[in-house]
Structure formats: C-alpha cells, structure tokens
C-alpha cells in the first residue's frame, strides 16, 4: 500500500480519503482556512512527523486566491525545494487549483500556469491539472463538483479528484493497484 502525505487546506482536510482512495494510506495534513504561507511555515514540522512517505501531494492556494493574493505560487518554489531536499527520491505531486465558481477562471488559469512552471523546475514532480477533469466530469447542472459556497467540493468533486490522484499514483507506482 502506498503512503501518501497530503498537505493543504480544507479541500484536503475534509476529504474522506479512506473511502475515495481505499488502496492508499493517506496521511491527511490539511488545515481548513490555511493560506499557502501558513503551509510553508509548518512544512518542516510535517516532514519531521512523516519521515518516510511514498509520495507527497500539495494542494494549496484556494484561500489565497479568494483573498485576492495572486502571488502565492512563488511560495511553492521554496516549499518544493525544501521537500525535494528532505525527500530526495519521493515523487511530489503539485495539484492545480480547481475551477471553483467562486473565483474568476482567468485568475485560476494564471495561477495554474505558474504552478505548472514551479512543478517543471523540480525533479520527480508531477503537476496534476484538475481543471480539465472537473470541467468534463462535473457539469454544474447535473453533477456539480462544488457545494453551494462555490469553493468546497461536493461528493462528486472528491470522486473526480480522487480518481485523478489514483491515476497519477498508478503512473508513479505501476502495478501497485492504486486506481
């Protein structure tokens, strides 16, 4: 079984990962309301608490974007460098922001381009683009991916995200039956 350290905000914290990723041992270190700079501040403590994950997933920036702080992708540059230094061989997964209705799509696209660039500079780092799967699999009228607050994920949203994580883990760890 793959051990996945998941770091992020409420989207991570509120996921029922044992249900959505039953073949993955998820260490859920999401904190609701947290900004990316707060995740960065606690990063070394998280690394000390989880010294041997098989993979690390980061999802952060939702709260920054909603507060109008568009420059948080730069914080990921140093976080990813620290993660790589502490976990030299562990695959890193950097999630895009999801196309939440509460934020303008052009801002989400801009931030996601910057996050993809950050991921491209880090060895053994996968950028997990969630915009296309959410756009394709979560039509707002029939299968919405977000709750009424237009930020937090619905059950369908978590299914889509978990499916993308499972496919990513299967590519990183072929034959382990993660999907």
Protein backbone atom coordinates (compact mmCIF):
# COMPACT_ATOMS: atom_id res chain seq x y z
CA UNK A 1 0.00 0.00 0.00
CA UNK A 2 1.28 3.44 -0.97
CA UNK A 3 1.60 6.02 1.81
CA UNK A 4 0.60 9.46 0.55
CA UNK A 5 1.27 12.56 2.61
CA UNK A 6 -1.38 15.13 1.62
CA UNK A 7 -0.70 18.75 2.58
CA UNK A 8 -3.14 21.58 2.03
CA UNK A 9 -6.25 23.42 3.12
CA UNK A 10 -9.86 22.39 3.80
CA UNK A 11 -10.14 20.62 0.46
CA UNK A 12 -7.57 18.13 1.73
CA UNK A 13 -8.76 18.12 5.34
CA UNK A 14 -12.41 17.42 4.56
CA UNK A 15 -11.78 14.58 2.09
CA UNK A 16 -12.92 11.12 3.06
CA UNK A 17 -9.76 9.62 1.65
CA UNK A 18 -10.22 6.13 3.05
CA UNK A 19 -13.43 5.96 1.02
CA UNK A 20 -12.14 7.65 -2.14
CA UNK A 21 -8.62 6.15 -2.14
CA UNK A 22 -9.10 2.80 -0.36
CA UNK A 23 -5.79 1.37 -1.64
CA UNK A 24 -3.76 4.33 -0.38
CA UNK A 25 -2.68 5.07 3.18
CA UNK A 26 -3.38 8.80 3.26
CA UNK A 27 -1.78 10.96 5.93
CA UNK A 28 -4.20 13.87 5.86
CA UNK A 29 -2.48 17.10 6.88
CA UNK A 30 -4.99 19.58 5.53
CA UNK A 31 -5.99 22.58 7.62
CA UNK A 32 -9.18 24.48 6.84
CA UNK A 33 -8.72 28.17 6.17
CA UNK A 34 -4.98 27.90 5.77
CA UNK A 35 -3.09 30.12 3.34
CA UNK A 36 -0.07 28.89 1.38
CA UNK A 37 2.36 30.88 3.52
CA UNK A 38 0.99 29.11 6.62
CA UNK A 39 1.55 25.72 4.98
CA UNK A 40 5.08 26.82 4.20
CA UNK A 41 5.62 27.81 7.84
CA UNK A 42 4.60 24.34 9.09
CA UNK A 43 6.26 22.35 6.33
CA UNK A 44 9.35 21.27 8.29
CA UNK A 45 7.18 20.05 11.18
CA UNK A 46 5.15 17.97 8.74
CA UNK A 47 8.31 16.48 7.26
CA UNK A 48 9.57 15.57 10.75
CA UNK A 49 6.20 13.98 11.58
CA UNK A 50 6.16 11.94 8.37
CA UNK A 51 9.75 11.00 7.52
CA UNK A 52 9.03 8.17 5.04
CA UNK A 53 6.03 8.75 2.76
CA UNK A 54 5.99 7.07 -0.65
CA UNK A 55 4.65 10.27 -2.25
CA UNK A 56 3.73 13.82 -1.21
CA UNK A 57 0.78 15.77 -2.60
CA UNK A 58 0.33 19.53 -2.15
CA UNK A 59 -2.90 21.38 -2.74
CA UNK A 60 -2.93 24.97 -1.51
CA UNK A 61 -3.75 28.45 -2.69
CA UNK A 62 -7.54 28.36 -2.69
CA UNK A 63 -7.76 30.72 0.28
CA UNK A 64 -5.02 32.97 -1.10
CA UNK A 65 -6.87 33.35 -4.39
CA UNK A 66 -10.17 34.05 -2.67
CA UNK A 67 -8.49 36.78 -0.61
CA UNK A 68 -7.03 38.34 -3.77
CA UNK A 69 -3.44 37.25 -3.09
CA UNK A 70 -2.31 36.14 -6.53
CA UNK A 71 1.40 35.83 -5.79
CA UNK A 72 1.37 32.66 -3.73
CA UNK A 73 2.83 30.37 -6.45
CA UNK A 74 6.23 31.89 -5.62
CA UNK A 75 5.93 30.36 -2.15
CA UNK A 76 5.67 26.93 -3.76
CA UNK A 77 9.13 27.37 -5.26
CA UNK A 78 10.79 27.30 -1.85
CA UNK A 79 8.40 24.68 -0.46
CA UNK A 80 9.13 22.32 -3.33
CA UNK A 81 12.88 22.84 -2.90
CA UNK A 82 12.61 22.01 0.82
CA UNK A 83 10.50 18.95 0.08
CA UNK A 84 12.97 17.77 -2.54
CA UNK A 85 15.91 18.27 -0.15
CA UNK A 86 14.18 16.32 2.63
CA UNK A 87 12.64 13.66 0.37
CA UNK A 88 15.25 13.29 -2.41
CA UNK A 89 13.65 10.25 -4.09
CA UNK A 90 9.97 10.68 -3.17
CA UNK A 91 7.62 11.67 -6.00
CA UNK A 92 5.99 15.05 -5.42
CA UNK A 93 2.54 15.91 -6.77
CA UNK A 94 1.56 19.56 -7.06
CA UNK A 95 -2.16 20.00 -7.68
CA UNK A 96 -3.60 22.80 -9.71
CA UNK A 97 -6.39 24.88 -8.31
CA UNK A 98 -9.76 23.52 -9.29
CA UNK A 99 -12.14 25.59 -11.44
CA UNK A 100 -14.20 26.76 -8.46
CA UNK A 101 -17.08 29.04 -9.40
CA UNK A 102 -16.17 31.49 -6.59
CA UNK A 103 -13.06 32.73 -8.45
CA UNK A 104 -12.66 34.15 -11.94
CA UNK A 105 -11.49 31.48 -14.38
CA UNK A 106 -8.76 33.73 -15.83
CA UNK A 107 -7.20 34.08 -12.35
CA UNK A 108 -7.32 30.32 -11.79
CA UNK A 109 -5.71 29.78 -15.21
CA UNK A 110 -2.94 32.32 -14.47
CA UNK A 111 -2.13 30.75 -11.10
CA UNK A 112 -2.20 27.25 -12.58
CA UNK A 113 0.28 28.24 -15.31
CA UNK A 114 2.62 29.50 -12.59
CA UNK A 115 2.16 26.34 -10.51
CA UNK A 116 2.89 24.18 -13.57
CA UNK A 117 6.11 26.15 -14.09
CA UNK A 118 7.11 25.57 -10.47
CA UNK A 119 6.49 21.83 -10.82
CA UNK A 120 8.54 21.72 -14.02
CA UNK A 121 11.60 23.01 -12.16
CA UNK A 122 11.56 20.24 -9.56
CA UNK A 123 12.93 16.79 -10.28
CA UNK A 124 10.36 13.97 -9.99
CA UNK A 125 7.45 16.38 -9.55
CA UNK A 126 4.12 15.88 -11.28
CA UNK A 127 1.77 18.77 -11.93
CA UNK A 128 -1.75 17.41 -11.55
CA UNK A 129 -4.02 19.62 -13.65
CA UNK A 130 -7.53 19.31 -12.25
CA UNK A 131 -9.27 21.89 -14.44
CA UNK A 132 -9.99 19.59 -17.40
CA UNK A 133 -11.31 16.65 -15.33
CA UNK A 134 -13.58 18.96 -13.31
CA UNK A 135 -14.79 20.76 -16.43
CA UNK A 136 -15.52 17.46 -18.21
CA UNK A 137 -16.87 15.37 -15.33
CA UNK A 138 -18.72 17.93 -13.19
CA UNK A 139 -21.33 19.75 -15.27
CA UNK A 140 -22.84 22.34 -12.90
CA UNK A 141 -26.46 21.46 -13.57
CA UNK A 142 -26.26 17.66 -13.50
CA UNK A 143 -23.20 16.67 -11.47
CA UNK A 144 -21.73 19.69 -9.69
CA UNK A 145 -18.21 19.37 -8.34
CA UNK A 146 -18.69 22.10 -5.76
CA UNK A 147 -21.02 22.76 -2.86
CA UNK A 148 -23.30 25.81 -2.73
CA UNK A 149 -20.45 28.01 -1.42
CA UNK A 150 -18.79 27.52 -4.84
CA UNK A 151 -15.45 26.68 -3.16
CA UNK A 152 -15.67 23.39 -1.29
CA UNK A 153 -16.01 20.08 -3.06
CA UNK A 154 -19.17 18.03 -3.35
CA UNK A 155 -19.07 14.25 -3.13
CA UNK A 156 -18.76 14.23 -6.94
CA UNK A 157 -15.86 16.70 -6.76
CA UNK A 158 -13.99 14.44 -4.35
CA UNK A 159 -14.64 11.44 -6.61
CA UNK A 160 -13.14 13.26 -9.58
CA UNK A 161 -10.12 14.49 -7.61
CA UNK A 162 -9.51 11.06 -6.06
CA UNK A 163 -9.73 9.46 -9.49
CA UNK A 164 -7.06 11.81 -10.81
CA UNK A 165 -4.85 11.13 -7.76
CA UNK A 166 -5.28 7.37 -8.22
CA UNK A 167 -4.32 7.57 -11.91
CA UNK A 168 -1.30 9.70 -11.02
CA UNK A 169 -0.18 7.21 -8.37
CA UNK A 170 -0.62 4.33 -10.82
CA UNK A 171 1.70 6.12 -13.26
CA UNK A 172 4.23 6.76 -10.49
CA UNK A 173 3.98 3.27 -8.99
CA UNK A 174 2.99 0.93 -11.87
CA UNK A 175 1.36 -2.32 -10.92
CA UNK A 176 0.54 -1.39 -7.34
CA UNK A 177 -3.21 -1.29 -8.00
CA UNK A 178 -3.75 2.27 -6.79
CA UNK A 179 -6.56 3.09 -9.19
